[in-house]
Amino acid sequence: MRHLQVLYSVLHLQDKYRVRLNNTVRQKSMPRIKTILLSLILQSPLLAGESQMQLLSQPILANGGSESWGSPDIEFKVVDVPYIDWHHQGHPAFEGIAQTNQVLTNAPRSIPPIESNLIAFYGITIGRFDPNTKELWLRLDSAKAVGGWQTTVDQAAFAAIECIRVVSERYKVRPILRISAPRADIDKWKGVADKFNAHDLSVPFTPEDKPPQK
């Protein structure tokens, strides 16, 4: 898919030159331009990442109950979600875990869409994985509980971390988790990040007051 974009762009560039150059200049310049265009097409796999289908995880809103992630009062489940990484660079697209995911519906278009991803719903974001430093940032700075939901920001944040664990284990990539948060909570979340970084990725990562779930 990326190659088609590159091909379209260079053909558009060729047409642009064809219109602007007069006959004399075009005759002298077009062979050189075509050589450059051909080189761009051949090198496009090196200049841009290939697209890749990945299987991420998201905490999707549910009605609660014994099958929900964590305790029964939490109103979401961690489920697998297909994701197309359009500019794949050889590692999981962790940032997609926090991407919006609207509830499927047959409601008329006049009805506003409903967000099903708890992470996006609560304003939590995840940065891109840095392959050089291995760092992955979970950002809680702007996170806010939504009125009418009994799920807390902390519960949503732990769900995000659990999704990161699932994807890390699936693709055998070990990120160094960093968490940014409001100043009053920085020490608490730094401790959570340190524990996650020492955690066995094959075991679910849950809040301290809840035993690991098998």
Protein backbone atom coordinates (compact mmCIF):
# COMPACT_ATOMS: atom_id res chain seq x y z
CA MET A 1 0.00 0.00 0.00
CA ARG A 2 2.87 2.37 0.75
CA HIS A 3 4.36 1.67 -2.67
CA LEU A 4 1.15 2.77 -4.36
CA GLN A 5 1.34 6.08 -2.51
CA VAL A 6 4.92 6.62 -3.63
CA LEU A 7 4.10 5.68 -7.22
CA TYR A 8 1.15 8.08 -7.28
CA SER A 9 3.29 10.88 -5.88
CA VAL A 10 6.09 10.48 -8.39
CA LEU A 11 3.72 10.20 -11.34
CA HIS A 12 2.03 13.38 -10.16
CA LEU A 13 5.47 15.03 -9.99
CA GLN A 14 6.23 13.88 -13.53
CA ASP A 15 2.97 15.38 -14.81
CA LYS A 16 3.78 18.62 -13.01
CA TYR A 17 7.13 18.87 -14.75
CA ARG A 18 5.59 17.97 -18.09
CA VAL A 19 3.19 20.91 -17.85
CA ARG A 20 5.69 23.47 -16.63
CA LEU A 21 8.72 22.77 -18.79
CA ASN A 22 8.87 24.10 -22.31
CA ASN A 23 9.70 21.78 -25.18
CA THR A 24 13.43 22.52 -25.23
CA VAL A 25 14.00 22.15 -21.51
CA ARG A 26 11.70 19.13 -21.31
CA GLN A 27 13.64 17.23 -23.95
CA LYS A 28 16.87 17.76 -22.04
CA SER A 29 15.52 17.28 -18.54
CA MET A 30 12.89 14.54 -18.74
CA PRO A 31 15.36 11.61 -19.10
CA ARG A 32 17.10 12.74 -15.92
CA ILE A 33 13.76 13.25 -14.14
CA LYS A 34 12.56 9.78 -15.19
CA THR A 35 15.77 8.27 -13.84
CA ILE A 36 15.20 9.99 -10.49
CA LEU A 37 11.56 8.84 -10.41
CA LEU A 38 12.51 5.24 -11.17
CA SER A 39 15.14 5.36 -8.42
CA LEU A 40 12.54 6.60 -5.92
CA ILE A 41 10.18 3.75 -6.80
CA LEU A 42 12.89 1.11 -6.46
CA GLN A 43 14.11 2.51 -3.15
CA SER A 44 10.66 3.10 -1.62
CA PRO A 45 10.80 -0.10 0.48
CA LEU A 46 13.96 1.29 2.10
CA LEU A 47 12.65 4.82 2.55
CA ALA A 48 9.34 3.89 4.17
CA GLY A 49 8.06 1.06 6.32
CA GLU A 50 5.81 -1.64 4.92
CA SER A 51 2.22 -1.86 6.11
CA GLN A 52 1.51 -4.74 8.47
CA MET A 53 -1.57 -6.22 10.09
CA GLN A 54 -1.05 -6.61 13.84
CA LEU A 55 -3.14 -7.99 16.67
CA LEU A 56 -3.24 -5.49 19.51
CA SER A 57 -5.33 -5.44 22.68
CA GLN A 58 -7.75 -2.84 24.03
CA PRO A 59 -9.98 -2.64 27.11
CA ILE A 60 -13.42 -2.58 25.52
CA LEU A 61 -16.38 -1.31 27.51
CA ALA A 62 -18.70 -4.03 28.81
CA ASN A 63 -21.43 -4.47 31.40
CA GLY A 64 -19.18 -5.78 34.13
CA GLY A 65 -19.53 -9.18 35.72
CA SER A 66 -17.26 -12.09 36.55
CA GLU A 67 -15.71 -12.21 33.07
CA SER A 68 -14.54 -8.60 33.10
CA TRP A 69 -10.89 -7.71 33.64
CA GLY A 70 -10.05 -7.30 37.30
CA SER A 71 -12.82 -7.19 39.84
CA PRO A 72 -16.52 -7.59 38.94
CA ASP A 73 -17.23 -3.87 39.32
CA ILE A 74 -14.93 -2.92 36.42
CA GLU A 75 -16.94 -2.32 33.28
CA PHE A 76 -14.57 -3.44 30.53
CA LYS A 77 -12.76 -6.45 29.08
CA VAL A 78 -9.30 -6.68 27.55
CA VAL A 79 -9.83 -8.13 24.08
CA ASP A 80 -7.74 -8.62 20.93
CA VAL A 81 -8.22 -5.99 18.22
CA PRO A 82 -6.87 -6.14 14.62
CA TYR A 83 -4.80 -3.10 13.67
CA ILE A 84 -3.10 -2.04 10.43
CA ASP A 85 0.28 -0.47 11.13
CA TRP A 86 0.53 1.67 8.00
CA HIS A 87 4.19 2.64 8.52
CA HIS A 88 5.50 -0.51 10.15
CA GLN A 89 9.05 -0.15 11.42
CA GLY A 90 9.67 -3.64 12.74
CA HIS A 91 8.02 -3.42 16.16
CA PRO A 92 4.48 -3.43 17.58
CA ALA A 93 2.37 -0.29 17.19
CA PHE A 94 1.78 0.10 20.93
CA GLU A 95 0.26 3.54 20.36
CA GLY A 96 -2.70 1.84 18.67
CA ILE A 97 -3.76 0.42 22.03
CA ALA A 98 -5.01 3.89 22.97
CA GLN A 99 -6.60 4.64 19.61
CA THR A 100 -10.32 5.33 19.35
CA ASN A 101 -12.61 2.35 18.71
CA GLN A 102 -16.26 3.23 18.23
CA VAL A 103 -19.09 0.92 19.23
CA LEU A 104 -20.71 -0.84 16.28
CA THR A 105 -24.29 0.30 15.85
CA ASN A 106 -27.16 0.54 13.39
CA ALA A 107 -28.27 3.84 14.91
CA PRO A 108 -28.94 6.72 12.49
CA ARG A 109 -26.01 8.99 11.68
CA SER A 110 -27.60 11.78 13.68
CA ILE A 111 -26.78 9.82 16.85
CA PRO A 112 -23.25 10.67 18.16
CA PRO A 113 -20.84 7.69 18.09
CA ILE A 114 -19.96 5.97 21.36
CA GLU A 115 -16.33 5.26 22.25
CA SER A 116 -15.71 1.64 23.29
CA ASN A 117 -12.00 1.83 24.12
CA LEU A 118 -11.74 2.73 27.79
CA ILE A 119 -8.22 4.12 27.35
CA ALA A 120 -9.30 6.61 24.69
CA PHE A 121 -12.51 7.29 26.59
CA TYR A 122 -10.53 8.38 29.66
CA GLY A 123 -7.99 10.49 27.76
CA ILE A 124 -5.03 8.15 28.27
CA THR A 125 -2.45 8.06 25.49
CA ILE A 126 0.49 5.82 24.59
CA GLY A 127 3.53 7.06 22.68
CA ARG A 128 5.40 5.25 19.93
CA PHE A 129 7.92 2.63 20.97
CA ASP A 130 11.49 3.93 20.67
CA PRO A 131 13.60 1.08 19.23
CA ASN A 132 16.82 2.80 20.30
CA THR A 133 16.07 3.42 23.97
CA LYS A 134 13.37 0.69 24.19
CA GLU A 135 11.21 3.23 26.04
CA LEU A 136 7.43 3.32 25.81
CA TRP A 137 5.51 6.19 27.39
CA LEU A 138 2.09 5.82 28.96
CA ARG A 139 0.67 9.31 29.50
CA LEU A 140 -1.86 9.96 32.25
CA ASP A 141 -1.36 13.74 32.40
CA SER A 142 -4.74 14.52 30.83
CA ALA A 143 -6.60 11.42 32.00
CA LYS A 144 -10.00 12.06 33.53
CA ALA A 145 -12.74 9.79 34.86
CA VAL A 146 -15.96 9.97 32.89
CA GLY A 147 -19.14 10.89 34.74
CA GLY A 148 -21.54 7.99 35.17
CA TRP A 149 -18.82 5.32 34.99
CA GLN A 150 -17.65 3.65 38.17
CA THR A 151 -14.29 2.77 36.60
CA THR A 152 -11.49 4.96 37.97
CA VAL A 153 -8.54 6.46 36.11
CA ASP A 154 -6.24 4.09 37.99
CA GLN A 155 -8.23 1.08 36.80
CA ALA A 156 -8.15 2.35 33.22
CA ALA A 157 -4.39 2.91 33.50
CA PHE A 158 -3.80 -0.63 34.78
CA ALA A 159 -5.92 -1.92 31.89
CA ALA A 160 -3.66 -0.01 29.50
CA ILE A 161 -0.58 -1.54 31.12
CA GLU A 162 -2.12 -4.99 30.84
CA CYS A 163 -2.74 -4.40 27.13
CA ILE A 164 0.90 -3.35 26.75
CA ARG A 165 1.93 -6.57 28.49
CA VAL A 166 -0.25 -8.71 26.20
CA VAL A 167 1.15 -7.13 23.05
CA SER A 168 4.73 -7.26 24.39
CA GLU A 169 4.41 -10.95 25.15
CA ARG A 170 2.73 -11.68 21.81
CA TYR A 171 5.47 -10.06 19.74
CA LYS A 172 8.35 -10.81 22.11
CA VAL A 173 9.30 -7.16 22.49
CA ARG A 174 10.28 -5.95 25.95
CA PRO A 175 9.62 -2.19 26.30
CA ILE A 176 10.91 -0.10 29.18
CA LEU A 177 7.69 1.41 30.47
CA ARG A 178 7.69 5.07 31.47
CA ILE A 179 4.60 6.77 32.91
CA SER A 180 3.93 10.50 32.96
CA ALA A 181 1.23 11.67 35.37
CA PRO A 182 0.08 14.70 37.37
CA ARG A 183 2.75 15.86 39.82
CA ALA A 184 0.93 14.50 42.87
CA ASP A 185 0.90 10.98 41.39
CA ILE A 186 4.34 10.81 39.78
CA ASP A 187 6.01 8.77 42.55
CA LYS A 188 3.16 6.25 42.64
CA TRP A 189 3.22 5.62 38.88
CA LYS A 190 7.02 5.52 38.76
CA GLY A 191 6.80 2.66 41.22
CA VAL A 192 4.20 0.92 39.04
CA ALA A 193 6.42 1.32 35.97
CA ASP A 194 9.45 -0.09 37.83
CA LYS A 195 7.44 -3.14 38.89
CA PHE A 196 6.16 -3.68 35.37
CA ASN A 197 9.69 -3.50 33.97
CA ALA A 198 10.72 -6.31 36.33
CA HIS A 199 7.50 -8.26 35.77
CA ASP A 200 7.20 -11.64 34.03
CA LEU A 201 5.36 -10.76 30.81
CA SER A 202 3.76 -14.20 30.67
CA VAL A 203 1.76 -13.35 33.81
CA PRO A 204 -1.07 -10.76 33.86
CA PHE A 205 -0.12 -7.45 35.47
CA THR A 206 -2.78 -6.30 37.93
CA PRO A 207 -3.08 -3.73 40.74
CA GLU A 208 -1.33 -4.64 43.99
CA ASP A 209 -4.59 -5.27 45.85
CA LYS A 210 -5.69 -7.93 43.36
CA PRO A 211 -4.00 -11.31 42.90
CA PRO A 212 -2.69 -12.19 39.41
CA GLN A 213 -5.31 -13.89 37.27
CA LYS A 214 -4.41 -17.12 35.52
